[in-house]
Amino acid sequence: MKILYGVQGTGNGHITRTRAMARELGKRSVAVDYLFSGRPADKFFDMEEFGDYRVRDGLTFVTRDGHIDTLATVFNSKPRQFLRDLKALKLDGYDLVITDFEPVTAWAGRRQGARVIGLGHQYAFHHNIPQYRGSPAQRAILRKFAPADCSLGLHWHHFGQAILPPVAPVADTGVCALKRQILVYLPFESLTAIRQLLNAFPEYSFEVYHPEASPGQEQHLHWHLPGRQTFQDALHLSEGVICNAGFELASEVLQLGRKLLVKPVQGQSEQYSNALALDLLGYGHVMYSLDRAKVDAWLTTGCATRIRYPNVAEAICHWLVAGAKGDIAELSDQLWAATVLPDMTPATRTHHNLGPLNPGL
């Protein structure tokens, strides 16, 4: 079997999930070529697992100071280059195309009549689950951005639908978290805003990862550039994580059993939906701005949730190698039966509520 695997590279979550899939696919008689889009080629790091991968411009949102910049997104969309990339990508010889919400491979597959499997969190929103609906344009983008003939949606809970648990590849090293150490990953917020927020809590040690950081220490703030291994080390050692409301990092936090505070990127409907789900499930805490009072409440009274997800990547790879035609509902049932979900009693849920769910829209 030969697979073309497309990956949305705007954030690191899609890549983290693909690393787990690459390891499992590597154990089987499968040839895989990887294509990444959504960021410049020189901004990818620690990519050795993907061999001689390709990079294309693709399509992505432009963010500024924690919100989507619609005008900049339009100006940077490069539709002509996107169409050229579609026409230039030849799928002869591939048995299957997998798209982790990557538009070049998805649309090339549709254009050339190849079978496309969608794999990722965004495909869970095709089901009847709690979600922020957004505008008609936002809903259309979610459905048309990276279309697939068949999709495997991933989420923290099944909500009674044929969706799968997260691919959350974190090793349980048995390392004890350090009291009052907090990991902060807010790549779409400005350094100044993050500094102003965290300076109010000098009794805590913050490990802050940001693509524009100058590595070094400012009293209780430790600044780092993103790096896979150093980030994972900090994640295991921290008792809590403050991050945007992306899916993959939150999945890892839940798997490790660290407490979680998310701030959605303004205007990003997927992140609003994630915040809604975390609040409804009682799995995490939400703030809709860099709110000092919310951070203070979370630091002092916030609770952690731990979920034991099975090896979802292994199960998906088995399904793919078997022809990618098995009953998805059956695969979903098997994986959720192997998942250890928390006992979220009403008393427990109250500790996970730091305020009303209000995106301010």
Protein backbone atom coordinates (compact mmCIF):
# COMPACT_ATOMS: atom_id res chain seq x y z
CA MET A 1 0.00 0.00 0.00
CA LYS A 2 1.21 3.51 -0.83
CA ILE A 3 -0.29 6.55 0.93
CA LEU A 4 -0.01 10.29 0.43
CA TYR A 5 -0.49 11.92 3.82
CA GLY A 6 -1.34 15.64 3.91
CA VAL A 7 -0.93 17.59 7.15
CA GLN A 8 -2.12 21.08 8.11
CA GLY A 9 0.97 22.75 9.57
CA THR A 10 -0.50 26.00 10.91
CA GLY A 11 -0.16 24.79 14.50
CA ASN A 12 1.89 21.99 15.99
CA GLY A 13 -1.09 19.83 16.98
CA HIS A 14 -1.64 18.29 13.55
CA ILE A 15 2.06 17.48 13.33
CA THR A 16 2.10 15.93 16.82
CA ARG A 17 -0.78 13.66 15.87
CA THR A 18 0.92 12.74 12.58
CA ARG A 19 4.11 11.76 14.44
CA ALA A 20 2.13 9.12 16.30
CA MET A 21 0.54 7.93 13.07
CA ALA A 22 3.94 7.84 11.32
CA ARG A 23 5.38 5.61 14.03
CA GLU A 24 2.51 3.16 13.71
CA LEU A 25 2.49 3.20 9.90
CA GLY A 26 6.24 2.58 9.98
CA LYS A 27 5.60 -0.78 11.68
CA ARG A 28 3.58 -1.97 8.69
CA SER A 29 4.26 -2.67 5.03
CA VAL A 30 3.11 0.79 4.01
CA ALA A 31 4.95 3.40 1.96
CA VAL A 32 3.99 6.93 3.04
CA ASP A 33 4.83 10.29 1.49
CA TYR A 34 4.09 13.37 3.62
CA LEU A 35 3.02 16.81 2.45
CA PHE A 36 2.73 19.75 4.86
CA SER A 37 1.19 23.15 4.26
CA GLY A 38 0.19 26.23 6.24
CA ARG A 39 3.56 27.66 7.24
CA PRO A 40 6.88 28.52 5.57
CA ALA A 41 9.25 25.59 5.05
CA ASP A 42 11.90 27.10 7.34
CA LYS A 43 9.44 27.26 10.27
CA PHE A 44 9.07 23.48 10.59
CA PHE A 45 11.30 21.79 13.17
CA ASP A 46 12.12 18.26 14.37
CA MET A 47 10.74 16.70 11.18
CA GLU A 48 13.13 13.75 10.78
CA GLU A 49 10.34 11.18 11.21
CA PHE A 50 8.72 12.28 7.96
CA GLY A 51 11.64 11.58 5.66
CA ASP A 52 11.76 13.52 2.39
CA TYR A 53 8.54 15.43 3.05
CA ARG A 54 7.12 18.15 0.81
CA VAL A 55 5.90 21.63 1.75
CA ARG A 56 3.26 23.71 -0.03
CA ASP A 57 1.72 27.09 0.82
CA GLY A 58 -1.80 25.73 1.28
CA LEU A 59 -4.38 27.88 3.05
CA THR A 60 -4.34 29.21 6.58
CA PHE A 61 -5.65 31.93 8.87
CA VAL A 62 -3.53 34.90 9.86
CA THR A 63 -3.72 35.78 13.56
CA ARG A 64 -2.68 38.93 15.38
CA ASP A 65 -2.79 39.58 19.14
CA GLY A 66 -4.99 36.59 19.84
CA HIS A 67 -7.59 37.04 17.11
CA ILE A 68 -7.99 36.19 13.43
CA ASP A 69 -7.07 39.07 11.12
CA THR A 70 -9.64 38.64 8.35
CA LEU A 71 -8.12 41.20 5.98
CA ALA A 72 -4.61 39.78 6.31
CA THR A 73 -6.01 36.27 5.83
CA VAL A 74 -7.56 37.29 2.51
CA PHE A 75 -4.42 39.06 1.29
CA ASN A 76 -2.22 36.09 2.20
CA SER A 77 -4.44 33.37 0.76
CA LYS A 78 -2.56 33.08 -2.60
CA PRO A 79 -5.42 31.41 -4.49
CA ARG A 80 -3.48 31.19 -7.74
CA GLN A 81 -0.59 29.40 -6.07
CA PHE A 82 -3.07 27.07 -4.41
CA LEU A 83 -4.60 26.14 -7.76
CA ARG A 84 -1.14 25.63 -9.28
CA ASP A 85 -0.23 23.30 -6.42
CA LEU A 86 -3.44 21.32 -6.97
CA LYS A 87 -2.71 20.83 -10.64
CA ALA A 88 0.95 19.95 -10.04
CA LEU A 89 0.28 17.30 -7.40
CA LYS A 90 0.01 13.97 -9.21
CA LEU A 91 -1.65 11.13 -7.34
CA ASP A 92 -0.88 8.30 -9.78
CA GLY A 93 0.49 5.34 -7.87
CA TYR A 94 -1.12 6.17 -4.52
CA ASP A 95 -3.68 3.76 -3.15
CA LEU A 96 -5.03 6.24 -0.63
CA VAL A 97 -4.86 9.91 0.31
CA ILE A 98 -5.09 10.90 3.98
CA THR A 99 -5.71 14.51 4.88
CA ASP A 100 -5.30 15.85 8.40
CA PHE A 101 -7.35 18.91 7.46
CA GLU A 102 -4.79 19.72 4.74
CA PRO A 103 -6.43 21.33 1.69
CA VAL A 104 -3.93 20.69 -1.13
CA THR A 105 -4.03 16.89 -0.83
CA ALA A 106 -7.78 16.88 -0.11
CA TRP A 107 -8.74 18.94 -3.15
CA ALA A 108 -6.19 17.25 -5.42
CA GLY A 109 -7.71 13.93 -4.43
CA ARG A 110 -11.21 15.16 -5.22
CA ARG A 111 -10.06 16.63 -8.54
CA GLN A 112 -8.33 13.43 -9.62
CA GLY A 113 -10.89 10.96 -8.31
CA ALA A 114 -8.63 9.48 -5.63
CA ARG A 115 -10.06 8.10 -2.41
CA VAL A 116 -9.52 10.62 0.40
CA ILE A 117 -9.74 9.80 4.11
CA GLY A 118 -10.12 12.76 6.46
CA LEU A 119 -8.45 12.27 9.83
CA GLY A 120 -8.59 14.90 12.54
CA HIS A 121 -10.53 16.87 15.10
CA GLN A 122 -12.26 19.13 12.58
CA TYR A 123 -14.09 16.17 11.06
CA ALA A 124 -15.83 15.54 14.40
CA PHE A 125 -17.85 18.71 13.73
CA HIS A 126 -19.59 16.95 10.84
CA HIS A 127 -21.49 15.06 13.55
CA ASN A 128 -24.24 16.20 15.89
CA ILE A 129 -22.03 17.28 18.81
CA PRO A 130 -21.89 20.42 21.00
CA GLN A 131 -20.27 23.12 18.93
CA TYR A 132 -20.22 26.81 18.28
CA ARG A 133 -21.99 27.19 14.96
CA GLY A 134 -20.51 30.52 13.90
CA SER A 135 -21.51 32.33 10.74
CA PRO A 136 -22.63 30.57 7.52
CA ALA A 137 -19.23 31.43 6.04
CA GLN A 138 -17.40 29.82 8.98
CA ARG A 139 -19.54 26.68 8.71
CA ALA A 140 -18.88 26.47 4.97
CA ILE A 141 -15.13 26.84 5.47
CA LEU A 142 -15.10 24.03 8.03
CA ARG A 143 -16.88 21.68 5.65
CA LYS A 144 -15.15 22.68 2.41
CA PHE A 145 -11.61 23.47 3.59
CA ALA A 146 -10.31 19.89 3.28
CA PRO A 147 -13.11 17.63 1.96
CA ALA A 148 -12.91 13.85 2.23
CA ASP A 149 -14.86 10.86 0.95
CA CYS A 150 -14.76 9.29 4.41
CA SER A 151 -13.72 10.88 7.68
CA LEU A 152 -12.48 9.85 11.11
CA GLY A 153 -13.35 12.64 13.50
CA LEU A 154 -11.55 12.84 16.86
CA HIS A 155 -12.82 14.34 20.11
CA TRP A 156 -12.47 14.15 23.90
CA HIS A 157 -15.86 12.45 24.20
CA HIS A 158 -18.02 10.49 21.77
CA PHE A 159 -21.26 12.44 22.46
CA GLY A 160 -23.12 9.34 21.22
CA GLN A 161 -21.63 9.69 17.73
CA ALA A 162 -19.31 7.55 15.60
CA ILE A 163 -16.21 9.59 16.38
CA LEU A 164 -12.91 8.42 17.86
CA PRO A 165 -10.89 9.38 20.93
CA PRO A 166 -7.87 11.65 20.45
CA VAL A 167 -4.51 10.50 19.21
CA ALA A 168 -2.73 11.68 22.36
CA PRO A 169 0.80 10.26 22.22
CA VAL A 170 2.21 11.12 25.65
CA ALA A 171 4.31 8.64 27.56
CA ASP A 172 3.42 8.11 31.21
CA THR A 173 6.93 8.53 32.60
CA GLY A 174 5.81 8.59 36.22
CA VAL A 175 7.43 12.00 36.69
CA CYS A 176 5.80 14.02 39.45
CA ALA A 177 4.74 17.53 38.53
CA LEU A 178 6.47 20.40 40.28
CA LYS A 179 4.23 22.47 42.53
CA ARG A 180 3.56 25.96 41.20
CA GLN A 181 5.22 25.30 37.83
CA ILE A 182 2.92 26.22 34.93
CA LEU A 183 3.47 25.62 31.22
CA VAL A 184 2.24 28.48 29.01
CA TYR A 185 1.77 28.09 25.26
CA LEU A 186 -0.10 31.03 23.71
CA PRO A 187 1.58 31.42 20.29
CA PHE A 188 -1.17 33.68 18.92
CA GLU A 189 -0.93 36.21 21.76
CA SER A 190 1.66 38.98 21.93
CA LEU A 191 4.69 38.62 24.19
CA THR A 192 3.79 41.88 25.90
CA ALA A 193 0.27 40.71 26.74
CA ILE A 194 1.55 37.40 28.11
CA ARG A 195 4.18 39.16 30.22
CA GLN A 196 1.63 41.58 31.66
CA LEU A 197 -0.71 38.71 32.52
CA LEU A 198 1.87 36.54 34.27
CA ASN A 199 3.73 39.28 36.12
CA ALA A 200 0.81 39.38 38.56
CA PHE A 201 1.76 35.93 39.91
CA PRO A 202 5.41 36.05 41.05
CA GLU A 203 4.90 33.11 43.42
CA TYR A 204 4.56 30.77 40.40
CA SER A 205 7.18 29.66 37.90
CA PHE A 206 6.00 29.93 34.29
CA GLU A 207 7.63 28.02 31.43
CA VAL A 208 6.55 30.11 28.45
CA TYR A 209 6.92 28.80 24.89
CA HIS A 210 6.41 31.23 22.03
CA PRO A 211 7.69 31.40 18.42
CA GLU A 212 8.86 35.01 18.95
CA ALA A 213 10.44 34.53 22.38
CA SER A 214 14.02 35.45 23.21
CA PRO A 215 15.17 32.46 25.29
CA GLY A 216 16.09 33.44 28.82
CA GLN A 217 14.75 34.14 32.29
CA GLU A 218 12.93 37.20 33.60
CA GLN A 219 12.52 36.52 37.30
CA HIS A 220 9.70 33.91 37.48
CA LEU A 221 9.18 33.84 33.68
CA HIS A 222 11.29 31.38 31.67
CA TRP A 223 11.06 32.05 27.93
CA HIS A 224 11.60 29.32 25.32
CA LEU A 225 11.34 28.88 21.58
CA PRO A 226 9.18 25.90 20.60
CA GLY A 227 11.07 22.62 20.59
CA ARG A 228 9.54 19.18 20.69
CA GLN A 229 11.59 17.51 23.41
CA THR A 230 12.01 20.51 25.71
CA PHE A 231 8.28 21.22 25.45
CA GLN A 232 7.40 17.63 26.34
CA ASP A 233 9.76 17.75 29.32
CA ALA A 234 8.11 20.95 30.57
CA LEU A 235 4.65 19.46 30.02
CA HIS A 236 5.44 16.46 32.21
CA LEU A 237 6.98 18.60 34.95
CA SER A 238 4.21 21.24 35.14
CA GLU A 239 1.13 20.95 37.34
CA GLY A 240 -0.96 23.00 34.93
CA VAL A 241 -1.10 24.33 31.37
CA ILE A 242 -2.38 27.65 30.01
CA CYS A 243 -2.86 27.51 26.24
CA ASN A 244 -5.09 28.45 23.36
CA ALA A 245 -8.08 26.17 22.78
CA GLY A 246 -6.51 23.92 20.19
CA PHE A 247 -7.28 20.22 20.32
CA GLU A 248 -4.06 18.22 20.44
CA LEU A 249 -2.25 19.90 23.34
CA ALA A 250 -5.42 19.81 25.44
CA SER A 251 -5.69 16.08 24.64
CA GLU A 252 -2.16 15.51 25.93
CA VAL A 253 -2.89 17.52 29.07
CA LEU A 254 -5.99 15.41 29.78
CA GLN A 255 -4.05 12.21 29.16
CA LEU A 256 -1.38 13.31 31.66
CA GLY A 257 -3.90 14.54 34.22
CA ARG A 258 -2.69 18.15 34.46
CA LYS A 259 -5.09 21.02 35.09
CA LEU A 260 -5.99 23.02 32.01
CA LEU A 261 -6.94 26.64 31.27
CA VAL A 262 -7.66 27.56 27.64
CA LYS A 263 -8.14 30.87 25.88
CA PRO A 264 -9.72 30.53 22.39
CA VAL A 265 -8.31 32.55 19.52
CA GLN A 266 -10.92 35.22 18.84
CA GLY A 267 -12.88 34.55 15.66
CA GLN A 268 -11.77 30.90 15.43
CA SER A 269 -14.97 28.86 15.54
CA GLU A 270 -13.19 25.55 16.14
CA GLN A 271 -11.53 26.93 19.27
CA TYR A 272 -14.84 28.32 20.52
CA SER A 273 -16.30 24.83 20.04
CA ASN A 274 -13.41 23.30 21.97
CA ALA A 275 -13.95 25.74 24.82
CA LEU A 276 -17.65 24.88 24.82
CA ALA A 277 -16.90 21.15 24.98
CA LEU A 278 -14.33 21.49 27.77
CA ASP A 279 -16.80 23.51 29.82
CA LEU A 280 -19.75 21.18 29.20
CA LEU A 281 -17.71 18.07 29.97
CA GLY A 282 -16.04 19.64 32.98
CA TYR A 283 -12.62 18.69 31.63
CA GLY A 284 -11.02 22.13 31.70
CA HIS A 285 -11.34 25.82 32.43
CA VAL A 286 -12.02 28.62 29.97
CA MET A 287 -11.28 32.34 29.66
CA TYR A 288 -12.18 34.41 26.61
CA SER A 289 -9.53 37.08 27.15
CA LEU A 290 -6.23 37.18 28.99
CA ASP A 291 -8.12 37.66 32.23
CA ARG A 292 -6.01 38.04 35.37
CA ALA A 293 -8.93 37.19 37.67
CA LYS A 294 -9.66 33.96 35.78
CA VAL A 295 -5.99 32.95 35.94
CA ASP A 296 -5.91 33.71 39.68
CA ALA A 297 -9.00 31.57 40.31
CA TRP A 298 -7.61 28.72 38.22
CA LEU A 299 -4.21 28.79 39.92
CA THR A 300 -5.73 28.64 43.40
CA THR A 301 -8.81 26.42 42.96
CA GLY A 302 -8.63 24.83 39.51
CA CYS A 303 -8.86 21.02 39.33
CA ALA A 304 -7.30 18.55 36.94
CA THR A 305 -9.01 15.80 34.94
CA ARG A 306 -7.27 12.61 33.86
CA ILE A 307 -8.47 10.45 30.98
CA ARG A 308 -6.80 7.22 29.85
CA TYR A 309 -7.13 6.98 26.08
CA PRO A 310 -6.03 3.79 24.27
CA ASN A 311 -3.53 3.64 21.40
CA VAL A 312 -5.86 5.24 18.87
CA ALA A 313 -3.11 5.64 16.24
CA GLU A 314 -2.50 1.87 16.27
CA ALA A 315 -6.20 1.12 15.80
CA ILE A 316 -6.55 3.63 12.96
CA CYS A 317 -3.49 2.22 11.17
CA HIS A 318 -4.93 -1.30 11.46
CA TRP A 319 -8.19 0.01 9.95
CA LEU A 320 -6.29 1.73 7.12
CA VAL A 321 -4.14 -1.26 6.23
CA ALA A 322 -7.25 -3.46 6.21
CA GLY A 323 -8.57 -1.33 3.36
CA ALA A 324 -10.09 1.67 5.17
CA LYS A 325 -13.56 0.27 4.60
CA GLY A 326 -14.46 -1.12 8.01
CA ASP A 327 -17.45 0.13 10.01
CA ILE A 328 -16.36 3.39 11.67
CA ALA A 329 -19.09 3.08 14.30
CA GLU A 330 -17.68 -0.32 15.30
CA LEU A 331 -14.14 1.12 15.48
CA SER A 332 -15.49 3.98 17.59
CA ASP A 333 -17.25 1.61 20.00
CA GLN A 334 -14.12 -0.49 20.47
CA LEU A 335 -11.92 2.50 21.24
CA TRP A 336 -14.32 4.17 23.67
CA ALA A 337 -14.80 0.85 25.46
CA ALA A 338 -11.04 0.89 26.06
CA THR A 339 -11.06 4.50 27.30
CA VAL A 340 -11.10 5.28 31.02
CA LEU A 341 -13.24 8.41 31.37
CA PRO A 342 -13.41 10.37 34.64
CA ASP A 343 -16.34 10.19 37.00
CA MET A 344 -17.61 13.75 36.55
CA THR A 345 -20.16 14.07 39.37
CA PRO A 346 -22.07 17.36 39.75
CA ALA A 347 -19.89 18.25 42.73
CA THR A 348 -16.75 17.72 40.66
CA ARG A 349 -18.11 19.75 37.75
CA THR A 350 -18.61 22.87 39.88
CA HIS A 351 -14.85 23.09 40.39
CA HIS A 352 -14.38 23.31 36.64
CA ASN A 353 -16.55 26.36 36.18
CA LEU A 354 -14.76 29.69 36.49
CA GLY A 355 -17.49 31.75 34.94
CA PRO A 356 -20.22 31.83 32.29
CA LEU A 357 -19.57 30.38 28.86
CA ASN A 358 -19.62 33.55 26.79
CA PRO A 359 -17.44 34.03 23.73
CA GLY A 360 -18.48 37.67 23.71
CA LEU A 361 -19.91 37.53 20.19
